[in-house]
N, C-alpha and C. Protein backbone atom coordinates (compact mmCIF):
# COMPACT_ATOMS: atom_id res chain seq x y z
N MET A 1 0.78 -1.30 -0.12
CA MET A 1 0.18 -0.06 0.13
C MET A 1 1.03 1.05 -0.32
N ILE A 2 0.30 2.42 -0.32
CA ILE A 2 0.96 3.89 -0.44
C ILE A 2 -0.17 4.38 0.16
N VAL A 3 1.09 5.37 1.31
CA VAL A 3 0.44 6.48 1.98
C VAL A 3 1.06 7.63 1.22
N PHE A 4 0.32 8.57 1.00
CA PHE A 4 1.32 9.80 0.37
C PHE A 4 0.31 11.10 0.57
N TYR A 5 1.44 12.29 0.77
CA TYR A 5 0.82 13.79 0.81
C TYR A 5 1.04 14.23 -0.48
N SER A 6 -0.04 14.98 -0.87
CA SER A 6 0.16 15.88 -1.98
C SER A 6 -0.38 17.44 -1.96
N SER A 7 0.43 18.31 -2.38
CA SER A 7 -0.08 19.69 -2.21
C SER A 7 -1.12 20.05 -3.24
N VAL A 8 -1.76 21.29 -3.36
CA VAL A 8 -2.41 21.59 -4.46
C VAL A 8 -1.79 21.55 -5.56
N SER A 9 -0.50 21.49 -5.87
CA SER A 9 0.01 21.54 -7.23
C SER A 9 -0.45 20.04 -7.82
N GLY A 10 -0.57 18.99 -6.94
CA GLY A 10 -1.08 17.44 -7.53
C GLY A 10 0.38 17.09 -8.19
N ASN A 11 1.28 17.08 -7.94
CA ASN A 11 2.52 16.42 -8.54
C ASN A 11 2.57 14.76 -7.95
N THR A 12 2.46 14.64 -6.31
CA THR A 12 2.58 13.80 -6.02
C THR A 12 1.46 12.86 -6.01
N ALA A 13 0.47 13.44 -6.48
CA ALA A 13 -1.11 12.71 -6.72
C ALA A 13 -0.87 12.04 -8.04
N ARG A 14 -0.21 12.75 -9.07
CA ARG A 14 -0.47 12.60 -10.41
C ARG A 14 0.46 11.12 -10.33
N PHE A 15 1.46 11.06 -9.78
CA PHE A 15 2.75 10.07 -9.64
C PHE A 15 2.04 8.99 -9.28
N VAL A 16 1.15 9.05 -8.36
CA VAL A 16 0.84 8.16 -7.29
C VAL A 16 -0.40 7.55 -8.36
N GLU A 17 -1.24 8.26 -8.80
CA GLU A 17 -2.38 7.81 -10.01
C GLU A 17 -1.86 6.62 -10.96
N ARG A 18 -0.53 7.31 -11.45
CA ARG A 18 -0.05 6.58 -12.65
C ARG A 18 0.56 5.07 -12.04
N LEU A 19 1.07 4.99 -10.84
CA LEU A 19 1.47 3.56 -10.23
C LEU A 19 0.43 2.81 -10.13
N SER A 20 -0.83 3.18 -9.87
CA SER A 20 -2.01 2.25 -10.06
C SER A 20 -1.91 1.27 -8.95
N LEU A 21 -1.62 1.62 -7.73
CA LEU A 21 -1.96 0.72 -6.71
C LEU A 21 -2.81 1.44 -5.73
N LYS A 22 -2.91 0.41 -4.79
CA LYS A 22 -4.36 1.03 -3.39
C LYS A 22 -3.09 2.10 -2.95
N SER A 23 -4.14 2.82 -2.69
CA SER A 23 -3.53 4.07 -1.90
C SER A 23 -4.05 4.76 -0.97
N VAL A 24 -3.67 6.08 0.26
CA VAL A 24 -4.31 6.39 0.82
C VAL A 24 -3.43 8.04 0.92
N ARG A 25 -4.49 8.65 0.84
CA ARG A 25 -3.86 10.09 1.08
C ARG A 25 -3.94 11.31 2.54
N ILE A 26 -3.00 11.41 2.62
CA ILE A 26 -2.78 12.38 3.65
C ILE A 26 -3.52 13.60 3.80
N GLU A 27 -4.23 13.98 4.24
CA GLU A 27 -5.02 15.67 3.76
C GLU A 27 -4.03 16.49 4.52
N GLY A 28 -4.07 17.43 3.84
CA GLY A 28 -3.36 18.78 4.15
C GLY A 28 -3.44 19.33 5.48
N ASP A 29 -5.21 19.75 5.72
CA ASP A 29 -5.81 20.11 6.84
C ASP A 29 -5.67 19.65 8.02
N MET A 30 -5.08 20.11 8.64
CA MET A 30 -4.56 19.76 10.29
C MET A 30 -5.41 19.29 11.15
N ASP A 31 -6.65 19.98 10.99
CA ASP A 31 -8.03 19.38 11.41
C ASP A 31 -8.50 18.22 10.92
N SER A 32 -8.10 17.69 10.17
CA SER A 32 -8.41 16.36 9.27
C SER A 32 -7.98 15.22 9.98
N GLU A 33 -8.80 14.19 10.28
CA GLU A 33 -8.40 12.83 11.03
C GLU A 33 -7.55 12.29 10.47
N THR A 34 -6.36 11.99 11.00
CA THR A 34 -5.45 11.13 10.82
C THR A 34 -5.79 9.66 10.21
N PRO A 35 -5.33 9.14 9.40
CA PRO A 35 -5.46 8.09 9.07
C PRO A 35 -4.70 6.56 9.77
N ILE A 36 -4.97 5.72 10.40
CA ILE A 36 -4.17 4.91 11.16
C ILE A 36 -4.12 3.73 9.96
N ILE A 37 -2.93 3.24 9.64
CA ILE A 37 -2.57 2.44 8.66
C ILE A 37 -2.10 1.20 9.25
N SER A 38 -2.76 0.12 9.54
CA SER A 38 -2.83 -0.76 10.10
C SER A 38 -1.78 -2.40 9.54
N HIS A 39 -1.39 -1.88 8.30
CA HIS A 39 -0.53 -2.88 7.72
C HIS A 39 0.68 -2.13 7.01
N PRO A 40 1.72 -2.89 6.72
CA PRO A 40 2.79 -2.22 6.20
C PRO A 40 2.46 -1.66 4.65
N TYR A 41 3.33 -0.32 4.64
CA TYR A 41 3.23 0.88 3.57
C TYR A 41 4.57 1.18 3.48
N VAL A 42 4.25 2.04 2.20
CA VAL A 42 5.56 2.97 1.73
C VAL A 42 5.13 4.34 1.72
N LEU A 43 5.57 5.24 2.33
CA LEU A 43 5.31 6.51 2.41
C LEU A 43 5.76 7.61 1.35
N ILE A 44 5.01 8.37 0.62
CA ILE A 44 5.45 9.24 -0.63
C ILE A 44 5.22 10.88 -0.18
N CYS A 45 6.14 11.06 0.08
CA CYS A 45 6.12 12.63 0.48
C CYS A 45 7.07 13.65 -0.31
N PRO A 46 6.50 14.67 -0.78
CA PRO A 46 7.28 15.56 -1.31
C PRO A 46 7.93 16.39 -0.19
N THR A 47 8.76 17.67 -0.77
CA THR A 47 9.57 18.29 0.29
C THR A 47 9.02 19.88 0.21
N TYR A 48 8.85 20.25 1.57
CA TYR A 48 8.21 21.99 0.97
C TYR A 48 9.59 22.71 2.27
N SER A 49 10.32 23.15 2.15
CA SER A 49 11.13 23.71 2.75
C SER A 49 11.48 25.44 2.02
N ASP A 50 11.98 25.91 3.25
CA ASP A 50 12.34 27.52 3.13
C ASP A 50 13.73 27.24 2.01
N CYS A 51 14.52 28.54 1.85
CA CYS A 51 16.00 28.18 1.35
C CYS A 51 16.94 27.91 2.46
N TYR A 52 16.40 27.38 3.50
CA TYR A 52 17.55 26.55 4.66
C TYR A 52 17.50 25.21 4.74
N GLY A 53 16.61 25.04 4.27
CA GLY A 53 16.46 23.71 4.39
C GLY A 53 14.96 23.23 5.40
N LYS A 54 14.41 24.22 6.35
CA LYS A 54 13.29 24.45 7.71
C LYS A 54 12.22 23.90 6.79
N GLY A 55 11.44 23.11 7.77
CA GLY A 55 9.85 22.62 7.50
C GLY A 55 10.05 22.13 5.90
N ALA A 56 10.78 20.73 6.03
CA ALA A 56 10.87 19.97 4.61
C ALA A 56 9.96 19.07 5.09
N VAL A 57 9.53 18.57 5.78
CA VAL A 57 8.26 17.34 6.03
C VAL A 57 6.75 18.39 6.38
N PRO A 58 5.84 17.91 5.61
CA PRO A 58 4.54 18.86 6.15
C PRO A 58 4.30 18.48 7.10
N LYS A 59 3.61 19.14 7.64
CA LYS A 59 2.86 19.09 9.20
C LYS A 59 2.01 17.88 9.28
N ALA A 60 1.10 17.72 8.41
CA ALA A 60 0.21 16.87 8.25
C ALA A 60 0.79 15.67 8.45
N VAL A 61 2.00 15.06 7.78
CA VAL A 61 3.10 14.06 7.62
C VAL A 61 3.82 13.78 9.17
N ILE A 62 3.96 14.76 9.62
CA ILE A 62 4.32 14.46 10.83
C ILE A 62 3.45 14.14 12.01
N LYS A 63 2.21 15.03 11.68
CA LYS A 63 0.88 14.02 12.37
C LYS A 63 0.77 12.94 12.48
N MET A 64 0.74 12.14 11.02
CA MET A 64 0.61 11.40 10.64
C MET A 64 1.37 10.15 11.50
N LEU A 65 2.77 10.27 11.09
CA LEU A 65 3.76 9.16 11.74
C LEU A 65 4.16 9.48 13.30
N ASN A 66 3.61 10.35 13.95
CA ASN A 66 3.21 10.40 15.41
C ASN A 66 2.77 9.34 16.04
N ASN A 67 1.52 8.80 15.23
CA ASN A 67 0.52 7.81 15.62
C ASN A 67 1.89 6.17 15.63
N MET A 68 1.71 5.84 16.66
CA MET A 68 2.62 4.77 16.66
C MET A 68 2.70 3.32 15.83
N THR A 69 1.11 3.28 15.44
CA THR A 69 0.86 2.19 14.52
C THR A 69 1.06 2.86 13.25
N ASN A 70 1.26 3.68 12.83
CA ASN A 70 1.46 4.49 11.25
C ASN A 70 3.28 4.51 11.52
N ARG A 71 3.37 4.71 12.64
CA ARG A 71 5.17 4.81 12.59
C ARG A 71 5.89 3.15 12.34
N GLN A 72 5.19 2.40 13.18
CA GLN A 72 5.29 0.64 13.18
C GLN A 72 5.27 0.18 11.72
N ASN A 73 4.58 0.71 11.00
CA ASN A 73 4.17 -0.12 9.84
C ASN A 73 4.57 0.68 8.81
N LEU A 74 5.45 1.74 8.90
CA LEU A 74 6.39 2.28 7.77
C LEU A 74 7.34 1.57 7.09
N CYS A 75 7.28 0.94 6.18
CA CYS A 75 8.31 -0.05 5.55
C CYS A 75 9.38 0.83 4.50
N GLY A 76 9.07 2.18 4.46
CA GLY A 76 10.18 2.68 3.48
C GLY A 76 9.55 4.16 2.69
N VAL A 77 10.71 4.90 2.42
CA VAL A 77 9.99 6.15 1.86
C VAL A 77 10.53 6.65 0.31
N ILE A 78 9.52 6.91 -0.47
CA ILE A 78 9.66 7.94 -1.49
C ILE A 78 9.81 9.25 -1.32
N GLY A 79 10.97 9.79 -1.80
CA GLY A 79 11.03 11.59 -1.51
C GLY A 79 10.57 11.99 -3.05
N ALA A 80 10.26 13.32 -2.62
CA ALA A 80 9.86 14.18 -3.89
C ALA A 80 10.32 15.67 -3.78
N GLY A 81 10.37 16.36 -5.07
CA GLY A 81 10.70 17.67 -4.54
C GLY A 81 10.99 17.74 -6.02
N ASN A 82 11.82 19.22 -5.99
CA ASN A 82 12.42 19.78 -7.33
C ASN A 82 13.74 19.94 -7.13
N ARG A 83 14.65 19.76 -8.47
CA ARG A 83 15.58 19.24 -8.43
C ARG A 83 16.55 21.17 -8.14
N ASN A 84 15.78 22.08 -8.67
CA ASN A 84 16.04 23.80 -8.44
C ASN A 84 16.46 24.14 -7.14
N PHE A 85 15.76 23.28 -6.27
CA PHE A 85 16.51 23.29 -4.80
C PHE A 85 17.44 22.66 -4.54
N GLY A 86 18.33 22.29 -5.48
CA GLY A 86 19.83 21.47 -4.95
C GLY A 86 19.99 20.65 -4.04
N PRO A 87 20.85 20.99 -2.83
CA PRO A 87 20.72 19.77 -1.92
C PRO A 87 19.30 19.91 -0.99
N TYR A 88 18.26 20.58 -0.84
CA TYR A 88 17.07 20.19 -0.47
C TYR A 88 16.38 19.25 -1.41
N PHE A 89 16.68 18.73 -2.38
CA PHE A 89 15.59 18.35 -3.14
C PHE A 89 15.59 16.81 -2.20
N ALA A 90 14.20 16.28 -2.46
CA ALA A 90 13.22 15.33 -1.85
C ALA A 90 14.29 15.44 -0.06
N GLN A 91 14.64 16.30 0.35
CA GLN A 91 14.97 16.09 2.01
C GLN A 91 14.10 15.44 2.83
N ALA A 92 12.93 15.77 2.41
CA ALA A 92 11.77 15.23 3.56
C ALA A 92 11.98 14.01 3.23
N GLY A 93 12.16 13.05 2.42
CA GLY A 93 12.24 11.40 2.14
C GLY A 93 13.54 11.01 2.94
N ARG A 94 14.50 11.85 3.25
CA ARG A 94 15.65 11.64 3.63
C ARG A 94 15.55 11.79 5.51
N ILE A 95 14.80 13.06 5.60
CA ILE A 95 14.50 13.28 7.22
C ILE A 95 13.97 12.14 7.53
N ILE A 96 12.30 11.58 7.01
CA ILE A 96 11.87 10.55 7.00
C ILE A 96 12.31 9.26 7.64
N ALA A 97 13.22 9.33 6.25
CA ALA A 97 13.84 7.71 6.57
C ALA A 97 14.99 7.66 7.62
N ASP A 98 15.46 8.88 8.19
CA ASP A 98 16.37 8.81 9.30
C ASP A 98 15.53 8.64 10.34
N LYS A 99 14.87 9.59 10.96
CA LYS A 99 14.07 9.47 11.83
C LYS A 99 13.26 8.44 12.13
N CYS A 100 12.74 7.91 11.26
CA CYS A 100 12.04 6.37 11.75
C CYS A 100 12.78 5.33 11.04
N ASN A 101 14.06 5.54 10.64
CA ASN A 101 14.73 4.31 10.76
C ASN A 101 14.40 3.19 9.48
N VAL A 102 13.86 3.86 8.51
CA VAL A 102 13.60 3.08 6.91
C VAL A 102 14.33 3.53 5.82
N PRO A 103 14.17 2.55 5.22
CA PRO A 103 15.25 2.98 3.93
C PRO A 103 14.42 4.18 2.86
N LEU A 104 15.34 5.16 2.58
CA LEU A 104 14.60 5.85 1.30
C LEU A 104 14.55 5.29 0.09
N LEU A 105 13.32 4.75 -0.52
CA LEU A 105 13.97 3.95 -1.47
C LEU A 105 14.03 4.33 -2.82
N TYR A 106 13.51 5.89 -3.12
CA TYR A 106 13.77 6.55 -4.37
C TYR A 106 13.55 7.90 -4.32
N CYS A 107 13.94 8.80 -5.24
CA CYS A 107 13.46 9.99 -5.15
C CYS A 107 12.73 10.41 -6.32
N ILE A 108 11.92 11.33 -6.62
CA ILE A 108 11.36 11.46 -7.83
C ILE A 108 11.16 13.22 -8.12
N GLU A 109 11.39 13.83 -9.14
CA GLU A 109 11.02 14.90 -9.12
C GLU A 109 9.57 15.67 -9.65
N LEU A 110 9.43 16.22 -9.06
CA LEU A 110 7.48 16.74 -9.52
C LEU A 110 7.13 15.46 -9.56
N ALA A 111 6.10 15.38 -10.88
CA ALA A 111 5.26 13.98 -10.84
C ALA A 111 5.88 12.91 -11.51
N GLY A 112 7.24 13.11 -11.39
CA GLY A 112 8.03 11.74 -11.55
C GLY A 112 7.82 11.12 -13.46
N THR A 113 8.44 10.66 -13.94
CA THR A 113 8.31 10.12 -15.19
C THR A 113 7.94 8.66 -15.60
N GLN A 114 7.53 8.38 -16.55
CA GLN A 114 7.15 7.09 -16.75
C GLN A 114 8.41 6.10 -16.44
N GLU A 115 9.66 6.63 -16.71
CA GLU A 115 10.62 5.40 -15.79
C GLU A 115 10.73 5.57 -14.50
N ASP A 116 10.45 6.61 -14.00
CA ASP A 116 10.28 6.27 -12.68
C ASP A 116 8.77 5.34 -12.08
N VAL A 117 8.14 5.66 -12.82
CA VAL A 117 6.65 4.95 -12.25
C VAL A 117 7.34 3.00 -12.69
N THR A 118 7.84 2.93 -13.51
CA THR A 118 8.34 1.47 -13.85
C THR A 118 9.28 1.52 -12.81
N ILE A 119 10.25 1.95 -12.52
CA ILE A 119 11.12 1.76 -11.24
C ILE A 119 10.62 1.43 -10.12
N VAL A 120 9.61 2.56 -9.57
CA VAL A 120 8.86 2.48 -8.28
C VAL A 120 8.05 0.91 -8.35
N ARG A 121 7.51 1.04 -9.49
CA ARG A 121 6.53 -0.41 -9.32
C ARG A 121 7.47 -1.93 -9.42
N LYS A 122 8.34 -2.05 -9.84
CA LYS A 122 9.45 -2.98 -9.79
C LYS A 122 9.97 -3.06 -8.30
N GLY A 123 10.28 -2.06 -7.64
CA GLY A 123 11.03 -1.64 -6.76
C GLY A 123 9.82 -2.20 -5.22
N LEU A 124 8.44 -1.77 -5.74
CA LEU A 124 8.02 -1.90 -4.41
C LEU A 124 7.33 -3.55 -4.58
N LYS A 125 7.39 -4.27 -5.86
CA LYS A 125 6.47 -5.51 -5.83
C LYS A 125 7.89 -6.47 -5.37
N GLN A 126 9.48 -5.87 -5.36
CA GLN A 126 10.27 -6.37 -4.71
C GLN A 126 10.00 -6.88 -3.23
N LEU A 127 9.75 -5.22 -2.70
CA LEU A 127 9.61 -4.78 -1.18
C LEU A 127 8.44 -6.06 -0.72
N TRP A 128 7.58 -5.82 -1.58
CA TRP A 128 5.98 -6.69 -0.73
C TRP A 128 6.60 -8.01 -1.12
N LYS A 129 7.25 -8.48 -1.86
CA LYS A 129 8.10 -10.15 -1.69
C LYS A 129 8.75 -10.41 -0.44
N GLN A 130 9.66 -9.32 0.00
CA GLN A 130 10.64 -9.49 1.01
C GLN A 130 9.91 -9.25 2.45
N ASN A 131 8.77 -8.96 2.54
CA ASN A 131 7.61 -8.55 3.48
C ASN A 131 7.03 -9.66 3.70
N GLU A 132 6.82 -10.24 3.12
CA GLU A 132 6.15 -11.62 2.89
C GLU A 132 6.70 -12.85 3.90
N LYS A 133 7.60 -12.93 3.79
CA LYS A 133 8.71 -13.56 4.25
C LYS A 133 8.87 -13.82 5.58
C-alpha cells in the first residue's frame, strides 16, 4: 500500500495515480482526521522547505507519523521534490527515513517520469515479496 501527501500542485497525486496501486492520501488540513494504517506501507512525501531546508516535512505527515501504529508499519519512503532546490531536493524523504529508521527507497522530481513509475512499481513488488517472508 502507498500512503502519500500531495499539495494543491498535485504532483505527488499524479505520480501515485500512475502507479495504479492501492493508496491513501494524507489530507493537508491539520484538522482532518489522521488515517491509521494498520499494515505495511510505503510513504511518498514531497519536500516543502525554505531556502535553508527548514519545514521540509509537511505538518500533516508529521502528525500522521506521530501515531505509533503508523510509524511501526512504515516500510520505506519515496521522496519527491524539485531539483532546482539543490541539496534540499527530496529532503523530506531523507529526514523521514532517518527519523523512522526505514530506507529511502527512491526520489522523484515533481510528478515523476514514466521511467520513475516503472522503477518504483518494480521496487515495490520486490519490497512486498521480502516483507511476506
